[in-house]
Amino acid sequence: MNYEVNKFVDVNGSSLQGKIKTTYDKLVELFGEPTYKDADPYAKVNAEWTVMATVKRTGDEYALIKDFEMDEDYTDEVKFTIYNWKDGYIPTEEYEWHIGGYGFDAVDTAYEIINA
């Protein structure tokens, strides 16, 4: 799987799909510095990474995710965000980070990258 972290990844219209427990340091190790940071204690989000991953899937995996059968392998682009929500600070300890996206494939892909 390949992925890039870029503030220009269009995640407009994405929404909360799940959560993952990890640390800020682990996210920085994998994704670099957040693509968005806000130290304002009243901000809804203080740290966020926007990610575009290219995932190779078998036809069977694709059918499970998209409810559509494919006879061959398929390359899928998955956009997702990882962010904190209404904490008033950037959590540095182990924390349940939010995963935003357009479906459960966002959660699956984030878990695959973080738990690799």
Protein backbone atom coordinates (compact mmCIF):
# COMPACT_ATOMS: atom_id res chain seq x y z
CA MET A 1 0.00 0.00 0.00
CA ASN A 2 1.20 3.47 -0.83
CA TYR A 3 -0.02 6.63 0.81
CA GLU A 4 0.65 10.32 0.87
CA VAL A 5 -0.19 12.93 3.47
CA ASN A 6 -1.06 16.24 1.90
CA LYS A 7 -3.15 19.20 2.98
CA PHE A 8 -4.56 19.38 -0.55
CA VAL A 9 -6.25 15.95 -0.41
CA ASP A 10 -9.93 16.80 -0.89
CA VAL A 11 -11.85 15.35 2.05
CA ASN A 12 -14.81 17.69 1.74
CA GLY A 13 -17.99 15.91 2.81
CA SER A 14 -16.19 13.18 4.75
CA SER A 15 -17.47 12.23 8.19
CA LEU A 16 -16.58 10.20 11.25
CA GLN A 17 -16.25 6.52 10.35
CA GLY A 18 -14.45 5.14 13.40
CA LYS A 19 -11.69 5.63 15.96
CA ILE A 20 -8.24 4.22 16.64
CA LYS A 21 -6.26 4.30 19.87
CA THR A 22 -2.67 5.45 19.38
CA THR A 23 -0.33 8.29 20.29
CA TYR A 24 0.49 11.57 18.63
CA ASP A 25 4.13 10.47 18.34
CA LYS A 26 3.12 7.31 16.44
CA LEU A 27 1.03 9.38 14.02
CA VAL A 28 3.91 11.81 13.45
CA GLU A 29 6.26 8.85 12.88
CA LEU A 30 3.94 7.45 10.19
CA PHE A 31 2.44 10.58 8.62
CA GLY A 32 4.77 13.45 9.53
CA GLU A 33 3.58 16.64 11.15
CA PRO A 34 -0.20 17.24 10.98
CA THR A 35 -1.48 18.82 7.79
CA TYR A 36 -3.61 21.08 10.02
CA LYS A 37 -2.85 22.41 13.51
CA ASP A 38 -4.75 24.89 15.67
CA ALA A 39 -3.74 25.71 19.24
CA ASP A 40 -7.02 27.54 19.95
CA PRO A 41 -8.61 25.79 22.96
CA TYR A 42 -12.06 26.46 21.44
CA ALA A 43 -11.26 24.89 18.05
CA LYS A 44 -13.16 21.73 17.18
CA VAL A 45 -9.98 20.15 15.74
CA ASN A 46 -6.47 20.85 17.01
CA ALA A 47 -4.50 18.35 14.88
CA GLU A 48 -5.45 16.59 11.64
CA TRP A 49 -3.75 14.53 8.96
CA THR A 50 -5.34 14.19 5.51
CA VAL A 51 -4.27 11.02 3.72
CA MET A 52 -4.69 9.53 0.25
CA ALA A 53 -3.86 5.82 0.12
CA THR A 54 -3.63 3.57 -2.92
CA VAL A 55 -4.77 0.09 -1.92
CA LYS A 56 -4.51 -3.04 -4.05
CA ARG A 57 -7.46 -5.32 -3.42
CA THR A 58 -8.51 -8.69 -4.70
CA GLY A 59 -11.89 -9.02 -6.37
CA ASP A 60 -13.26 -10.69 -3.21
CA GLU A 61 -12.06 -7.84 -0.95
CA TYR A 62 -13.58 -5.31 -3.31
CA ALA A 63 -16.91 -7.11 -3.22
CA LEU A 64 -16.94 -6.99 0.59
CA ILE A 65 -16.19 -3.26 0.70
CA LYS A 66 -18.19 -1.99 -2.26
CA ASP A 67 -20.91 -4.68 -2.45
CA PHE A 68 -19.95 -5.19 -6.09
CA GLU A 69 -18.23 -8.23 -7.61
CA MET A 70 -14.97 -7.95 -9.54
CA ASP A 71 -13.25 -10.84 -11.33
CA GLU A 72 -9.78 -9.33 -11.11
CA ASP A 73 -7.61 -7.41 -8.69
CA TYR A 74 -8.40 -3.73 -8.30
CA THR A 75 -6.52 -0.63 -7.17
CA ASP A 76 -8.61 1.66 -4.98
CA GLU A 77 -7.90 5.19 -3.76
CA VAL A 78 -9.00 5.76 -0.18
CA LYS A 79 -9.10 9.25 1.33
CA PHE A 80 -9.25 9.63 5.08
CA THR A 81 -8.45 11.96 7.94
CA ILE A 82 -7.16 11.33 11.44
CA TYR A 83 -7.99 14.04 13.95
CA ASN A 84 -8.85 14.91 17.54
CA TRP A 85 -12.28 16.34 18.35
CA LYS A 86 -13.16 19.11 20.82
CA ASP A 87 -10.35 18.51 23.29
CA GLY A 88 -8.98 22.05 23.43
CA TYR A 89 -5.42 20.77 23.02
CA ILE A 90 -3.40 18.30 20.95
CA PRO A 91 -3.40 14.97 22.82
CA THR A 92 0.08 13.51 23.18
CA GLU A 93 -0.75 10.50 25.35
CA GLU A 94 -2.57 7.41 24.07
CA TYR A 95 -5.85 8.72 22.67
CA GLU A 96 -8.81 7.55 20.61
CA TRP A 97 -8.20 9.49 17.41
CA HIS A 98 -11.12 9.99 15.05
CA ILE A 99 -11.00 8.56 11.53
CA GLY A 100 -12.97 10.46 8.93
CA GLY A 101 -13.76 9.28 5.45
CA TYR A 102 -16.47 8.15 3.07
CA GLY A 103 -16.99 4.59 4.31
CA PHE A 104 -15.55 1.78 6.39
CA ASP A 105 -12.66 1.40 3.93
CA ALA A 106 -11.25 4.58 5.52
CA VAL A 107 -11.11 2.86 8.92
CA ASP A 108 -9.75 -0.37 7.45
CA THR A 109 -6.99 1.49 5.60
CA ALA A 110 -6.04 3.65 8.60
CA TYR A 111 -5.83 0.56 10.82
CA GLU A 112 -3.71 -1.24 8.23
CA ILE A 113 -1.20 1.62 8.07
CA ILE A 114 -1.04 2.31 11.81
CA ASN A 115 -0.92 -1.31 12.95
CA ALA A 116 1.54 -2.52 10.28
